[in-house]
């Protein structure tokens, strides 16, 4: 199994986002931290 760094961030008026420094442009988002983490996997 490979592991990569995912950065979780929250916009003031939006969802939680996850970006991946090793993969520029690859992002996901969710309404909760748990949802964002699940989608990042």
PDB file of N, CA and C in Angstrom:
ATOM      1  N   UNK A   1       0.844  -1.176   0.000  1.00  0.00           N
ATOM      2  CA  UNK A   1       0.000   0.000   0.000  1.00  0.00           C
ATOM      3  C   UNK A   1       0.886   1.235   0.000  1.00  0.00           C
ATOM      4  N   UNK A   2       0.581   2.180  -0.881  1.00  0.00           N
ATOM      5  CA  UNK A   2       1.307   3.436  -0.926  1.00  0.00           C
ATOM      6  C   UNK A   2       0.644   4.446   0.000  1.00  0.00           C
ATOM      7  N   UNK A   3       1.448   5.316   0.571  1.00  0.00           N
ATOM      8  CA  UNK A   3       0.919   6.390   1.409  1.00  0.00           C
ATOM      9  C   UNK A   3       1.409   7.725   0.871  1.00  0.00           C
ATOM     10  N   UNK A   4       0.512   8.698   0.851  1.00  0.00           N
ATOM     11  CA  UNK A   4       0.835  10.026   0.355  1.00  0.00           C
ATOM     12  C   UNK A   4       0.325  11.059   1.346  1.00  0.00           C
ATOM     13  N   UNK A   5       0.924  12.227   1.307  1.00  0.00           N
ATOM     14  CA  UNK A   5       0.497  13.332   2.161  1.00  0.00           C
ATOM     15  C   UNK A   5      -0.735  13.985   1.541  1.00  0.00           C
ATOM     16  N   UNK A   6      -1.757  14.190   2.366  1.00  0.00           N
ATOM     17  CA  UNK A   6      -2.951  14.924   1.958  1.00  0.00           C
ATOM     18  C   UNK A   6      -3.149  16.086   2.917  1.00  0.00           C
ATOM     19  N   UNK A   7      -3.328  17.268   2.398  1.00  0.00           N
ATOM     20  CA  UNK A   7      -3.518  18.458   3.224  1.00  0.00           C
ATOM     21  C   UNK A   7      -4.999  18.819   3.261  1.00  0.00           C
ATOM     22  N   UNK A   8      -5.574  18.837   4.454  1.00  0.00           N
ATOM     23  CA  UNK A   8      -6.979  19.184   4.619  1.00  0.00           C
ATOM     24  C   UNK A   8      -7.071  20.668   4.960  1.00  0.00           C
ATOM     25  N   UNK A   9      -7.943  21.363   4.267  1.00  0.00           N
ATOM     26  CA  UNK A   9      -8.127  22.794   4.528  1.00  0.00           C
ATOM     27  C   UNK A   9      -9.610  23.111   4.472  1.00  0.00           C
ATOM     28  N   UNK A  10      -9.998  24.197   5.123  1.00  0.00           N
ATOM     29  CA  UNK A  10     -11.404  24.614   5.183  1.00  0.00           C
ATOM     30  C   UNK A  10     -11.515  26.038   4.687  1.00  0.00           C
ATOM     31  N   UNK A  11     -12.382  26.232   3.736  1.00  0.00           N
ATOM     32  CA  UNK A  11     -12.692  27.583   3.264  1.00  0.00           C
ATOM     33  C   UNK A  11     -13.757  28.176   4.184  1.00  0.00           C
ATOM     34  N   UNK A  12     -13.748  29.467   4.348  1.00  0.00           N
ATOM     35  CA  UNK A  12     -14.731  30.120   5.235  1.00  0.00           C
ATOM     36  C   UNK A  12     -16.170  29.813   4.841  1.00  0.00           C
ATOM     37  N   UNK A  13     -16.446  29.830   3.570  1.00  0.00           N
ATOM     38  CA  UNK A  13     -17.829  29.650   3.123  1.00  0.00           C
ATOM     39  C   UNK A  13     -18.028  28.362   2.339  1.00  0.00           C
ATOM     40  N   UNK A  14     -17.097  27.419   2.472  1.00  0.00           N
ATOM     41  CA  UNK A  14     -17.211  26.210   1.676  1.00  0.00           C
ATOM     42  C   UNK A  14     -16.955  24.954   2.466  1.00  0.00           C
ATOM     43  N   UNK A  15     -16.688  23.909   1.733  1.00  0.00           N
ATOM     44  CA  UNK A  15     -16.444  22.589   2.303  1.00  0.00           C
ATOM     45  C   UNK A  15     -14.998  22.422   2.735  1.00  0.00           C
ATOM     46  N   UNK A  16     -14.701  21.253   3.270  1.00  0.00           N
ATOM     47  CA  UNK A  16     -13.331  20.875   3.579  1.00  0.00           C
ATOM     48  C   UNK A  16     -12.707  20.337   2.299  1.00  0.00           C
ATOM     49  N   UNK A  17     -11.533  20.814   1.987  1.00  0.00           N
ATOM     50  CA  UNK A  17     -10.840  20.362   0.793  1.00  0.00           C
ATOM     51  C   UNK A  17      -9.609  19.560   1.171  1.00  0.00           C
ATOM     52  N   UNK A  18      -9.204  18.675   0.269  1.00  0.00           N
ATOM     53  CA  UNK A  18      -7.978  17.900   0.443  1.00  0.00           C
ATOM     54  C   UNK A  18      -7.169  18.033  -0.837  1.00  0.00           C
ATOM     55  N   UNK A  19      -5.914  18.433  -0.686  1.00  0.00           N
ATOM     56  CA  UNK A  19      -5.007  18.513  -1.827  1.00  0.00           C
ATOM     57  C   UNK A  19      -3.800  17.639  -1.541  1.00  0.00           C
ATOM     58  N   UNK A  20      -3.082  17.280  -2.592  1.00  0.00           N
ATOM     59  CA  UNK A  20      -1.965  16.348  -2.491  1.00  0.00           C
ATOM     60  C   UNK A  20      -0.710  16.957  -3.108  1.00  0.00           C
ATOM     61  N   UNK A  21       0.253  17.355  -2.268  1.00  0.00           N
ATOM     62  CA  UNK A  21       1.460  18.014  -2.782  1.00  0.00           C
ATOM     63  C   UNK A  21       2.206  17.197  -3.841  1.00  0.00           C
ATOM     64  N   UNK A  22       2.167  15.877  -3.748  1.00  0.00           N
ATOM     65  CA  UNK A  22       2.863  15.034  -4.723  1.00  0.00           C
ATOM     66  C   UNK A  22       2.142  14.966  -6.065  1.00  0.00           C
ATOM     67  N   UNK A  23       0.882  15.432  -6.100  1.00  0.00           N
ATOM     68  CA  UNK A  23       0.067  15.363  -7.312  1.00  0.00           C
ATOM     69  C   UNK A  23      -0.641  16.702  -7.536  1.00  0.00           C
ATOM     70  N   UNK A  24       0.074  17.700  -8.057  1.00  0.00           N
ATOM     71  CA  UNK A  24      -0.522  19.022  -8.274  1.00  0.00           C
ATOM     72  C   UNK A  24      -1.802  18.923  -9.104  1.00  0.00           C
ATOM     73  N   UNK A  25      -2.830  19.618  -8.644  1.00  0.00           N
ATOM     74  CA  UNK A  25      -4.095  19.636  -9.359  1.00  0.00           C
ATOM     75  C   UNK A  25      -5.073  18.559  -8.932  1.00  0.00           C
ATOM     76  N   UNK A  26      -4.605  17.578  -8.152  1.00  0.00           N
ATOM     77  CA  UNK A  26      -5.496  16.525  -7.659  1.00  0.00           C
ATOM     78  C   UNK A  26      -6.076  16.982  -6.331  1.00  0.00           C
ATOM     79  N   UNK A  27      -7.401  17.136  -6.294  1.00  0.00           N
ATOM     80  CA  UNK A  27      -8.080  17.619  -5.095  1.00  0.00           C
ATOM     81  C   UNK A  27      -9.399  16.874  -4.926  1.00  0.00           C
ATOM     82  N   UNK A  28      -9.932  16.920  -3.726  1.00  0.00           N
ATOM     83  CA  UNK A  28     -11.268  16.434  -3.446  1.00  0.00           C
ATOM     84  C   UNK A  28     -11.832  17.281  -2.323  1.00  0.00           C
ATOM     85  N   UNK A  29     -13.116  17.148  -2.056  1.00  0.00           N
ATOM     86  CA  UNK A  29     -13.739  17.953  -1.009  1.00  0.00           C
ATOM     87  C   UNK A  29     -14.941  17.219  -0.435  1.00  0.00           C
ATOM     88  N   UNK A  30     -15.293  17.593   0.798  1.00  0.00           N
ATOM     89  CA  UNK A  30     -16.466  17.031   1.448  1.00  0.00           C
ATOM     90  C   UNK A  30     -17.052  18.023   2.423  1.00  0.00           C
ATOM     91  N   UNK A  31     -18.304  17.796   2.802  1.00  0.00           N
ATOM     92  CA  UNK A  31     -18.980  18.700   3.732  1.00  0.00           C
ATOM     93  C   UNK A  31     -18.423  18.588   5.144  1.00  0.00           C
ATOM     94  N   UNK A  32     -17.853  17.438   5.492  1.00  0.00           N
ATOM     95  CA  UNK A  32     -17.246  17.217   6.808  1.00  0.00           C
ATOM     96  C   UNK A  32     -15.816  16.738   6.618  1.00  0.00           C
ATOM     97  N   UNK A  33     -15.027  16.807   7.698  1.00  0.00           N
ATOM     98  CA  UNK A  33     -13.654  16.301   7.625  1.00  0.00           C
ATOM     99  C   UNK A  33     -13.682  14.804   7.301  1.00  0.00           C
ATOM    100  N   UNK A  34     -14.580  14.073   7.937  1.00  0.00           N
ATOM    101  CA  UNK A  34     -14.668  12.629   7.699  1.00  0.00           C
ATOM    102  C   UNK A  34     -14.990  12.321   6.232  1.00  0.00           C
ATOM    103  N   UNK A  35     -15.915  13.062   5.654  1.00  0.00           N
ATOM    104  CA  UNK A  35     -16.260  12.835   4.258  1.00  0.00           C
ATOM    105  C   UNK A  35     -15.082  13.172   3.340  1.00  0.00           C
ATOM    106  N   UNK A  36     -14.397  14.269   3.619  1.00  0.00           N
ATOM    107  CA  UNK A  36     -13.235  14.652   2.811  1.00  0.00           C
ATOM    108  C   UNK A  36     -12.146  13.584   2.886  1.00  0.00           C
ATOM    109  N   UNK A  37     -11.901  13.050   4.095  1.00  0.00           N
ATOM    110  CA  UNK A  37     -10.894  11.995   4.257  1.00  0.00           C
ATOM    111  C   UNK A  37     -11.291  10.741   3.498  1.00  0.00           C
ATOM    112  N   UNK A  38     -12.558  10.350   3.596  1.00  0.00           N
ATOM    113  CA  UNK A  38     -13.031   9.155   2.878  1.00  0.00           C
ATOM    114  C   UNK A  38     -12.850   9.316   1.382  1.00  0.00           C
ATOM    115  N   UNK A  39     -13.206  10.477   0.853  1.00  0.00           N
ATOM    116  CA  UNK A  39     -13.071  10.717  -0.580  1.00  0.00           C
ATOM    117  C   UNK A  39     -11.598  10.777  -0.999  1.00  0.00           C
ATOM    118  N   UNK A  40     -10.739  11.237  -0.114  1.00  0.00           N
ATOM    119  CA  UNK A  40      -9.306  11.304  -0.433  1.00  0.00           C
ATOM    120  C   UNK A  40      -8.705   9.910  -0.578  1.00  0.00           C
ATOM    121  N   UNK A  41      -9.218   8.973   0.183  1.00  0.00           N
ATOM    122  CA  UNK A  41      -8.707   7.601   0.075  1.00  0.00           C
ATOM    123  C   UNK A  41      -9.039   7.002  -1.257  1.00  0.00           C
TER     124      UNK A  41
END
